[in-house]
Structures are given as C-alpha cells and as structure tokens.
Amino acid sequence: MWFPPLSLPPHHPPNLPYPLPLPLPLPYHSPPLSLPYLPHPPLTTMTHLTNALATVVVIVAVGGGWYLSRDYLRQVLLWVAVQEAWAVVLVFLGLFTVVSFPFMWGYILVNLSAGYMFGTWRGLAVVVSTATVAVLLVHTLLRCCLREFLQRRVMTSKVLRALLSVLGGNQAFKVIAVTRLTPIPFGLQNAVFAVSRVSTWMYLFATVLGLLPTQILNCYLGTTVRSLDEVVSDSSSATATGWIVFAAQ
C-alpha cells in the first residue's frame, strides 16, 4: 500500500508571525586605520640656496619694475600737464588703476600730481573719484582672475595672514579703514582685501573713508611744489618733499 509523504508544518514559536522573519546582518565596523608618522624631510643646502635665489630674483624684479615704472610715470605726468581737463581725468583713472595692482609703485606721486594740477579741493575731487573707480576695477579683477594665486602668496606672510584672519570678524569695516592709514603698500593691501570674504560695497566704502585723510594731505602738498618736474624728479627739494609726505602719513 502506498502512503503519501507527511508534510509537517514548519515549526515556529507561538504568538509570532508566520513565517519567521530572517535576522538582519549586523553592520560591519572596520577597525580604525593607523597611519605611520612621516616626518617632514629636513631642509637641505640646495633648498636654502633655492629659497635665497628666489628671494633675490623677486627683489631684483620688484626693484627693476619700480625703477622703470617711476621713469615711465614721470614721462606720463609731464605729458598730462599740458592736456585738456577731461583727458587729464581719464589719464588719472588709468594711472590709479595701474598703481592699484600688487607690487606697483606711484600712488602717492599721482596724488601729489593731482594737487599740483588742480589745486587742493579740485584735485581731491579728481583723486577720490578716479581712485575709487580704479580700486573697484582692480578689486573685481583680482577676485575673479587671481584670487587663488594671491591667496597662496598672502599665506606666506605672518602679518598678511593675521590681517586676513581679522577681516573675517565683525570689525572688518574698521580694519580696512585703519589699514589704509598704515605704511603697508597700497597694491599689497588691495591683494589682501581681494582674497578676503568682505563684501565689495563694504570694502569700497571703508576704502574711500580710510584713504581720505592722506588724499587731502597729498593734494595739499602737491600745491606747495613749484613745478611738476620737481614732484617726479630726483632733486634734493623733491626728495625733501617725499620725506615730508611719508613722515606725515
């Protein structure tokens, strides 16, 4: 006789759903990875020589650019003195744009020349308007095109790093205005402010306010010289005037 095979129901504990759900696998936690300490390689003589050579090259390049730009600026200012008033304003806009770039020279000289050509208050109006537009143009250009390059250069200086960290706080407006009164080169200040996170309009308003005292002083001193060639020449009287400007600032 044939008997069908018995089919036993699967065993499951009472009061539990049928079928019994499978247990989920536990998450796997990898052990922490410990990396060996790799010290920085020591500075060799070749490294020191390379750094020294790079420093000398930078100094020579900046010094040569300063000398050449000074002679070129002298020729431009002597040519501007005999031009129409509207052409002079456009030239001053171009000059302020050039001297607003990092490592450029001549900001104070352009201020003095405006005072000589237009007088104290008219020269001040020309300086404030053209310098403000030039600073805005250079600031926008540096932020859009050269921000990463300038940030790498700024981080190599402790003073500029400290200034950049302060600009991230709530006193950024005061810091920018006060920095405009310091002997830090004008173009270098513009580079630091370009890599900061300060808003453009706050930066521009603080710059106008911070530059105003020295602009008034420079325009007034420009009215005391006898000729434009005296301002831009290397004569003893021009040297004395330059020392007065720097001491007053």
C-alpha atoms as a PDB file:
ATOM      1  CA  MET A   1       0.000   0.000   0.000  1.00  0.00           C
ATOM      2  CA  TRP A   2       1.298   3.492  -0.885  1.00  0.00           C
ATOM      3  CA  PHE A   3       1.146   6.263   1.681  1.00  0.00           C
ATOM      4  CA  PRO A   4       1.692   9.933   0.705  1.00  0.00           C
ATOM      5  CA  PRO A   5       4.609  11.630   2.412  1.00  0.00           C
ATOM      6  CA  LEU A   6       3.775  13.557   5.508  1.00  0.00           C
ATOM      7  CA  SER A   7       4.172  17.368   5.202  1.00  0.00           C
ATOM      8  CA  LEU A   8       4.824  18.787   8.615  1.00  0.00           C
ATOM      9  CA  PRO A   9       4.139  22.478   9.188  1.00  0.00           C
ATOM     10  CA  PRO A  10       7.250  24.486   9.870  1.00  0.00           C
ATOM     11  CA  HIS A  11       7.998  24.916  13.498  1.00  0.00           C
ATOM     12  CA  HIS A  12       7.576  28.416  14.826  1.00  0.00           C
ATOM     13  CA  PRO A  13       7.135  29.773  18.315  1.00  0.00           C
ATOM     14  CA  PRO A  14       3.633  30.774  19.375  1.00  0.00           C
ATOM     15  CA  ASN A  15       2.407  34.370  19.115  1.00  0.00           C
ATOM     16  CA  LEU A  16       4.886  35.171  16.328  1.00  0.00           C
ATOM     17  CA  PRO A  17       4.077  35.968  12.701  1.00  0.00           C
ATOM     18  CA  TYR A  18       4.397  33.217  10.196  1.00  0.00           C
ATOM     19  CA  PRO A  19       6.839  32.759   8.545  1.00  0.00           C
ATOM     20  CA  LEU A  20       9.532  33.899  10.973  1.00  0.00           C
ATOM     21  CA  PRO A  21      11.450  36.919   9.555  1.00  0.00           C
ATOM     22  CA  LEU A  22      15.095  36.423   8.894  1.00  0.00           C
ATOM     23  CA  PRO A  23      17.518  38.287  11.178  1.00  0.00           C
ATOM     24  CA  LEU A  24      19.224  41.298   9.602  1.00  0.00           C
ATOM     25  CA  PRO A  25      23.009  41.209   9.353  1.00  0.00           C
ATOM     26  CA  LEU A  26      24.862  43.386  11.817  1.00  0.00           C
ATOM     27  CA  PRO A  27      26.695  46.406  10.355  1.00  0.00           C
ATOM     28  CA  TYR A  28      30.374  45.914   9.849  1.00  0.00           C
ATOM     29  CA  HIS A  29      32.664  48.426  11.517  1.00  0.00           C
ATOM     30  CA  SER A  30      36.170  48.463  10.182  1.00  0.00           C
ATOM     31  CA  PRO A  31      38.921  48.941  12.733  1.00  0.00           C
ATOM     32  CA  PRO A  32      40.498  52.418  12.802  1.00  0.00           C
ATOM     33  CA  LEU A  33      43.295  52.825  10.343  1.00  0.00           C
ATOM     34  CA  SER A  34      46.538  53.899  11.937  1.00  0.00           C
ATOM     35  CA  LEU A  35      48.957  55.595   9.583  1.00  0.00           C
ATOM     36  CA  PRO A  36      52.620  55.717  10.400  1.00  0.00           C
ATOM     37  CA  TYR A  37      54.072  59.128  11.265  1.00  0.00           C
ATOM     38  CA  LEU A  38      56.075  60.510   8.388  1.00  0.00           C
ATOM     39  CA  PRO A  39      58.212  63.476   9.436  1.00  0.00           C
ATOM     40  CA  HIS A  40      58.865  66.319   7.031  1.00  0.00           C
ATOM     41  CA  PRO A  41      62.113  65.918   5.163  1.00  0.00           C
ATOM     42  CA  PRO A  42      64.865  68.144   6.532  1.00  0.00           C
ATOM     43  CA  LEU A  43      65.804  71.268   4.636  1.00  0.00           C
ATOM     44  CA  THR A  44      68.928  70.656   2.640  1.00  0.00           C
ATOM     45  CA  THR A  45      71.554  73.099   1.469  1.00  0.00           C
ATOM     46  CA  MET A  46      70.023  73.024  -2.006  1.00  0.00           C
ATOM     47  CA  THR A  47      66.656  74.055  -0.563  1.00  0.00           C
ATOM     48  CA  HIS A  48      68.207  77.022   1.228  1.00  0.00           C
ATOM     49  CA  LEU A  49      70.041  78.059  -1.935  1.00  0.00           C
ATOM     50  CA  THR A  50      66.851  77.798  -3.974  1.00  0.00           C
ATOM     51  CA  ASN A  51      64.921  79.942  -1.495  1.00  0.00           C
ATOM     52  CA  ALA A  52      67.714  82.519  -1.395  1.00  0.00           C
ATOM     53  CA  LEU A  53      67.898  82.644  -5.192  1.00  0.00           C
ATOM     54  CA  ALA A  54      64.133  83.043  -5.478  1.00  0.00           C
ATOM     55  CA  THR A  55      64.228  85.892  -2.949  1.00  0.00           C
ATOM     56  CA  VAL A  56      66.978  87.675  -4.882  1.00  0.00           C
ATOM     57  CA  VAL A  57      65.070  87.273  -8.155  1.00  0.00           C
ATOM     58  CA  VAL A  58      61.899  88.709  -6.614  1.00  0.00           C
ATOM     59  CA  ILE A  59      63.791  91.669  -5.118  1.00  0.00           C
ATOM     60  CA  VAL A  60      65.533  92.427  -8.415  1.00  0.00           C
ATOM     61  CA  ALA A  61      62.268  92.119 -10.361  1.00  0.00           C
ATOM     62  CA  VAL A  62      60.368  94.383  -7.969  1.00  0.00           C
ATOM     63  CA  GLY A  63      63.229  96.892  -7.836  1.00  0.00           C
ATOM     64  CA  GLY A  64      63.591  96.958 -11.606  1.00  0.00           C
ATOM     65  CA  GLY A  65      59.860  97.328 -12.076  1.00  0.00           C
ATOM     66  CA  TRP A  66      59.830 100.154  -9.541  1.00  0.00           C
ATOM     67  CA  TYR A  67      62.639 102.000 -11.338  1.00  0.00           C
ATOM     68  CA  LEU A  68      61.128 101.545 -14.795  1.00  0.00           C
ATOM     69  CA  SER A  69      57.618 102.429 -13.682  1.00  0.00           C
ATOM     70  CA  ARG A  70      58.955 105.516 -11.936  1.00  0.00           C
ATOM     71  CA  ASP A  71      60.595 106.800 -15.125  1.00  0.00           C
ATOM     72  CA  TYR A  72      57.529 105.932 -17.207  1.00  0.00           C
ATOM     73  CA  LEU A  73      55.218 107.586 -14.693  1.00  0.00           C
ATOM     74  CA  ARG A  74      57.374 110.701 -14.798  1.00  0.00           C
ATOM     75  CA  GLN A  75      57.023 110.962 -18.587  1.00  0.00           C
ATOM     76  CA  VAL A  76      53.260 110.396 -18.426  1.00  0.00           C
ATOM     77  CA  LEU A  77      52.700 113.058 -15.768  1.00  0.00           C
ATOM     78  CA  LEU A  78      54.794 115.623 -17.635  1.00  0.00           C
ATOM     79  CA  TRP A  79      52.737 114.922 -20.779  1.00  0.00           C
ATOM     80  CA  VAL A  80      49.433 115.106 -18.895  1.00  0.00           C
ATOM     81  CA  ALA A  81      50.220 118.572 -17.536  1.00  0.00           C
ATOM     82  CA  VAL A  82      49.626 120.168 -20.963  1.00  0.00           C
ATOM     83  CA  GLN A  83      46.455 118.256 -21.920  1.00  0.00           C
ATOM     84  CA  GLU A  84      42.746 119.076 -21.696  1.00  0.00           C
ATOM     85  CA  ALA A  85      40.985 118.685 -18.340  1.00  0.00           C
ATOM     86  CA  TRP A  86      38.806 115.730 -19.436  1.00  0.00           C
ATOM     87  CA  ALA A  87      41.853 113.928 -20.848  1.00  0.00           C
ATOM     88  CA  VAL A  88      43.711 114.517 -17.583  1.00  0.00           C
ATOM     89  CA  VAL A  89      40.874 112.885 -15.621  1.00  0.00           C
ATOM     90  CA  LEU A  90      40.935 109.819 -17.891  1.00  0.00           C
ATOM     91  CA  VAL A  91      44.704 109.560 -17.557  1.00  0.00           C
ATOM     92  CA  PHE A  92      44.442 109.782 -13.765  1.00  0.00           C
ATOM     93  CA  LEU A  93      41.892 106.963 -13.867  1.00  0.00           C
ATOM     94  CA  GLY A  94      44.351 104.838 -15.833  1.00  0.00           C
ATOM     95  CA  LEU A  95      47.256 105.736 -13.534  1.00  0.00           C
ATOM     96  CA  PHE A  96      45.307 104.895 -10.384  1.00  0.00           C
ATOM     97  CA  THR A  97      44.273 101.591 -11.965  1.00  0.00           C
ATOM     98  CA  VAL A  98      47.901 100.690 -12.668  1.00  0.00           C
ATOM     99  CA  VAL A  99      49.226 101.630  -9.218  1.00  0.00           C
ATOM    100  CA  SER A 100      46.375  99.724  -7.516  1.00  0.00           C
ATOM    101  CA  PHE A 101      47.786  96.369  -8.612  1.00  0.00           C
ATOM    102  CA  PRO A 102      50.078  94.474  -6.214  1.00  0.00           C
ATOM    103  CA  PHE A 103      53.778  95.417  -6.267  1.00  0.00           C
ATOM    104  CA  MET A 104      53.162  98.569  -8.292  1.00  0.00           C
ATOM    105  CA  TRP A 105      54.502 101.959  -7.234  1.00  0.00           C
ATOM    106  CA  GLY A 106      53.350 105.560  -7.581  1.00  0.00           C
ATOM    107  CA  TYR A 107      50.114 106.016  -5.619  1.00  0.00           C
ATOM    108  CA  ILE A 108      51.402 108.952  -3.554  1.00  0.00           C
ATOM    109  CA  LEU A 109      53.035 110.513  -6.605  1.00  0.00           C
ATOM    110  CA  VAL A 110      49.732 110.513  -8.512  1.00  0.00           C
ATOM    111  CA  ASN A 111      48.058 112.188  -5.518  1.00  0.00           C
ATOM    112  CA  LEU A 112      50.710 114.907  -5.431  1.00  0.00           C
ATOM    113  CA  SER A 113      50.388 115.492  -9.165  1.00  0.00           C
ATOM    114  CA  ALA A 114      46.614 115.940  -8.883  1.00  0.00           C
ATOM    115  CA  GLY A 115      47.121 118.546  -6.179  1.00  0.00           C
ATOM    116  CA  TYR A 116      49.644 120.394  -8.327  1.00  0.00           C
ATOM    117  CA  MET A 117      47.448 120.400 -11.458  1.00  0.00           C
ATOM    118  CA  PHE A 118      44.022 121.105  -9.949  1.00  0.00           C
ATOM    119  CA  GLY A 119      44.636 122.588  -6.515  1.00  0.00           C
ATOM    120  CA  THR A 120      43.721 121.110  -3.156  1.00  0.00           C
ATOM    121  CA  TRP A 121      39.959 120.664  -3.393  1.00  0.00           C
ATOM    122  CA  ARG A 122      39.521 120.142  -7.121  1.00  0.00           C
ATOM    123  CA  GLY A 123      42.479 117.797  -7.042  1.00  0.00           C
ATOM    124  CA  LEU A 124      40.887 115.971  -4.126  1.00  0.00           C
ATOM    125  CA  ALA A 125      37.659 115.540  -6.120  1.00  0.00           C
ATOM    126  CA  VAL A 126      39.626 114.103  -9.050  1.00  0.00           C
ATOM    127  CA  VAL A 127      41.628 111.795  -6.772  1.00  0.00           C
ATOM    128  CA  VAL A 128      38.616 110.483  -4.830  1.00  0.00           C
ATOM    129  CA  SER A 129      36.514 109.802  -7.934  1.00  0.00           C
ATOM    130  CA  THR A 130      39.211 108.235 -10.111  1.00  0.00           C
ATOM    131  CA  ALA A 131      40.883 106.289  -7.289  1.00  0.00           C
ATOM    132  CA  THR A 132      37.534 104.839  -6.164  1.00  0.00           C
ATOM    133  CA  VAL A 133      36.674 103.613  -9.660  1.00  0.00           C
ATOM    134  CA  ALA A 134      40.195 102.221 -10.101  1.00  0.00           C
ATOM    135  CA  VAL A 135      40.099 100.382  -6.773  1.00  0.00           C
ATOM    136  CA  LEU A 136      36.737  98.837  -7.677  1.00  0.00           C
ATOM    137  CA  LEU A 137      38.008  97.681 -11.081  1.00  0.00           C
ATOM    138  CA  VAL A 138      41.200  96.169  -9.680  1.00  0.00           C
ATOM    139  CA  HIS A 139      39.360  94.533  -6.764  1.00  0.00           C
ATOM    140  CA  THR A 140      36.892  92.859  -9.138  1.00  0.00           C
ATOM    141  CA  LEU A 141      39.661  91.705 -11.463  1.00  0.00           C
ATOM    142  CA  LEU A 142      41.802  90.280  -8.657  1.00  0.00           C
ATOM    143  CA  ARG A 143      38.862  88.407  -7.157  1.00  0.00           C
ATOM    144  CA  CYS A 144      37.716  86.932 -10.452  1.00  0.00           C
ATOM    145  CA  CYS A 145      41.050  86.012 -12.040  1.00  0.00           C
ATOM    146  CA  LEU A 146      43.871  85.950  -9.476  1.00  0.00           C
ATOM    147  CA  ARG A 147      42.244  85.032  -6.168  1.00  0.00           C
ATOM    148  CA  GLU A 148      43.832  81.583  -5.735  1.00  0.00           C
ATOM    149  CA  PHE A 149      47.257  82.817  -6.837  1.00  0.00           C
ATOM    150  CA  LEU A 150      47.149  85.757  -4.424  1.00  0.00           C
ATOM    151  CA  GLN A 151      45.885  83.588  -1.580  1.00  0.00           C
ATOM    152  CA  ARG A 152      48.907  81.313  -1.873  1.00  0.00           C
ATOM    153  CA  ARG A 153      51.209  84.337  -1.777  1.00  0.00           C
ATOM    154  CA  VAL A 154      49.428  86.011   1.128  1.00  0.00           C
ATOM    155  CA  MET A 155      49.631  82.873   3.269  1.00  0.00           C
ATOM    156  CA  THR A 156      53.439  83.042   3.209  1.00  0.00           C
ATOM    157  CA  SER A 157      53.476  86.224   5.339  1.00  0.00           C
ATOM    158  CA  LYS A 158      52.568  86.185   9.036  1.00  0.00           C
ATOM    159  CA  VAL A 159      51.489  89.830   9.001  1.00  0.00           C
ATOM    160  CA  LEU A 160      49.203  89.376   5.996  1.00  0.00           C
ATOM    161  CA  ARG A 161      47.800  86.116   7.418  1.00  0.00           C
ATOM    162  CA  ALA A 162      46.938  87.920  10.649  1.00  0.00           C
ATOM    163  CA  LEU A 163      45.298  90.740   8.709  1.00  0.00           C
ATOM    164  CA  LEU A 164      43.300  88.245   6.657  1.00  0.00           C
ATOM    165  CA  SER A 165      42.062  86.444   9.779  1.00  0.00           C
ATOM    166  CA  VAL A 166      40.928  89.722  11.362  1.00  0.00           C
ATOM    167  CA  LEU A 167      38.986  90.574   8.203  1.00  0.00           C
ATOM    168  CA  GLY A 168      36.787  87.545   8.833  1.00  0.00           C
ATOM    169  CA  GLY A 169      35.379  89.076  12.040  1.00  0.00           C
ATOM    170  CA  ASN A 170      32.796  91.724  12.834  1.00  0.00           C
ATOM    171  CA  GLN A 171      35.324  94.575  12.748  1.00  0.00           C
ATOM    172  CA  ALA A 172      36.182  94.193   9.052  1.00  0.00           C
ATOM    173  CA  PHE A 173      34.999  97.707   8.161  1.00  0.00           C
ATOM    174  CA  LYS A 174      37.182  99.344  10.812  1.00  0.00           C
ATOM    175  CA  VAL A 175      40.150  97.140   9.933  1.00  0.00           C
ATOM    176  CA  ILE A 176      40.003  98.126   6.253  1.00  0.00           C
ATOM    177  CA  ALA A 177      39.659 101.837   7.055  1.00  0.00           C
ATOM    178  CA  VAL A 178      42.552 101.799   9.539  1.00  0.00           C
ATOM    179  CA  THR A 179      44.759  99.671   7.273  1.00  0.00           C
ATOM    180  CA  ARG A 180      44.520 102.366   4.599  1.00  0.00           C
ATOM    181  CA  LEU A 181      46.412 104.638   7.015  1.00  0.00           C
ATOM    182  CA  THR A 182      49.268 102.178   7.582  1.00  0.00           C
ATOM    183  CA  PRO A 183      52.569 102.067   5.626  1.00  0.00           C
ATOM    184  CA  ILE A 184      51.643  98.724   4.018  1.00  0.00           C
ATOM    185  CA  PRO A 185      51.975  99.262   0.231  1.00  0.00           C
ATOM    186  CA  PHE A 186      48.721 100.262  -1.436  1.00  0.00           C
ATOM    187  CA  GLY A 187      48.730  97.473  -4.020  1.00  0.00           C
ATOM    188  CA  LEU A 188      49.580  94.840  -1.417  1.00  0.00           C
ATOM    189  CA  GLN A 189      46.624  95.950   0.687  1.00  0.00           C
ATOM    190  CA  ASN A 190      44.378  95.539  -2.340  1.00  0.00           C
ATOM    191  CA  ALA A 191      45.657  91.984  -2.822  1.00  0.00           C
ATOM    192  CA  VAL A 192      44.855  91.014   0.788  1.00  0.00           C
ATOM    193  CA  PHE A 193      41.384  92.535   0.633  1.00  0.00           C
ATOM    194  CA  ALA A 194      40.697  90.779  -2.677  1.00  0.00           C
ATOM    195  CA  VAL A 195      41.215  87.295  -1.174  1.00  0.00           C
ATOM    196  CA  SER A 196      39.111  88.072   1.908  1.00  0.00           C
ATOM    197  CA  ARG A 197      35.383  87.395   2.242  1.00  0.00           C
ATOM    198  CA  VAL A 198      34.463  91.041   2.797  1.00  0.00           C
ATOM    199  CA  SER A 199      31.599  92.274   0.637  1.00  0.00           C
ATOM    200  CA  THR A 200      32.594  94.531  -2.235  1.00  0.00           C
ATOM    201  CA  TRP A 201      30.498  97.522  -1.183  1.00  0.00           C
ATOM    202  CA  MET A 202      31.671  97.427   2.424  1.00  0.00           C
ATOM    203  CA  TYR A 203      35.250  97.224   1.176  1.00  0.00           C
ATOM    204  CA  LEU A 204      34.735 100.145  -1.208  1.00  0.00           C
ATOM    205  CA  PHE A 205      33.090 102.411   1.381  1.00  0.00           C
ATOM    206  CA  ALA A 206      35.744 101.629   4.014  1.00  0.00           C
ATOM    207  CA  THR A 207      38.487 102.266   1.448  1.00  0.00           C
ATOM    208  CA  VAL A 208      37.086 105.682   0.491  1.00  0.00           C
ATOM    209  CA  LEU A 209      36.812 106.657   4.149  1.00  0.00           C
ATOM    210  CA  GLY A 210      40.268 105.341   5.059  1.00  0.00           C
ATOM    211  CA  LEU A 211      42.090 106.941   2.118  1.00  0.00           C
ATOM    212  CA  LEU A 212      40.506 110.373   2.517  1.00  0.00           C
ATOM    213  CA  PRO A 213      42.891 111.829   5.175  1.00  0.00           C
ATOM    214  CA  THR A 214      46.063 111.017   3.233  1.00  0.00           C
ATOM    215  CA  GLN A 215      44.474 112.129  -0.036  1.00  0.00           C
ATOM    216  CA  ILE A 216      43.745 115.556   1.460  1.00  0.00           C
ATOM    217  CA  LEU A 217      47.307 115.775   2.762  1.00  0.00           C
ATOM    218  CA  ASN A 218      48.882 114.695  -0.527  1.00  0.00           C
ATOM    219  CA  CYS A 219      46.773 117.082  -2.608  1.00  0.00           C
ATOM    220  CA  TYR A 220      47.712 119.953  -0.325  1.00  0.00           C
ATOM    221  CA  LEU A 221      51.409 119.086  -0.516  1.00  0.00           C
ATOM    222  CA  GLY A 222      51.078 118.955  -4.293  1.00  0.00           C
ATOM    223  CA  THR A 223      50.092 122.626  -4.300  1.00  0.00           C
ATOM    224  CA  THR A 224      53.303 123.606  -2.473  1.00  0.00           C
ATOM    225  CA  VAL A 225      55.744 122.481  -5.183  1.00  0.00           C
ATOM    226  CA  ARG A 226      56.943 124.888  -7.853  1.00  0.00           C
ATOM    227  CA  SER A 227      56.688 122.570 -10.882  1.00  0.00           C
ATOM    228  CA  LEU A 228      55.520 119.079 -11.760  1.00  0.00           C
ATOM    229  CA  ASP A 229      59.066 118.109 -12.660  1.00  0.00           C
ATOM    230  CA  GLU A 230      60.020 118.855  -9.060  1.00  0.00           C
ATOM    231  CA  VAL A 231      57.473 116.307  -7.874  1.00  0.00           C
ATOM    232  CA  VAL A 232      58.730 113.473 -10.067  1.00  0.00           C
ATOM    233  CA  SER A 233      62.447 114.323 -10.274  1.00  0.00           C
ATOM    234  CA  ASP A 234      65.268 113.133  -8.029  1.00  0.00           C
ATOM    235  CA  SER A 235      66.321 116.622  -6.937  1.00  0.00           C
ATOM    236  CA  SER A 236      67.008 117.420  -3.319  1.00  0.00           C
ATOM    237  CA  SER A 237      63.846 119.507  -2.952  1.00  0.00           C
ATOM    238  CA  ALA A 238      61.709 116.682  -4.330  1.00  0.00           C
ATOM    239  CA  THR A 239      63.421 114.222  -2.006  1.00  0.00           C
ATOM    240  CA  ALA A 240      62.678 116.510   0.938  1.00  0.00           C
ATOM    241  CA  THR A 241      59.053 116.764  -0.145  1.00  0.00           C
ATOM    242  CA  GLY A 242      58.836 112.981  -0.359  1.00  0.00           C
ATOM    243  CA  TRP A 243      60.222 112.581   3.144  1.00  0.00           C
ATOM    244  CA  ILE A 244      57.690 115.113   4.450  1.00  0.00           C
ATOM    245  CA  VAL A 245      54.873 113.132   2.821  1.00  0.00           C
ATOM    246  CA  PHE A 246      55.987 109.804   4.272  1.00  0.00           C
ATOM    247  CA  ALA A 247      56.626 111.280   7.734  1.00  0.00           C
ATOM    248  CA  ALA A 248      53.207 112.949   7.803  1.00  0.00           C
ATOM    249  CA  GLN A 249      51.475 109.739   6.763  1.00  0.00           C
END
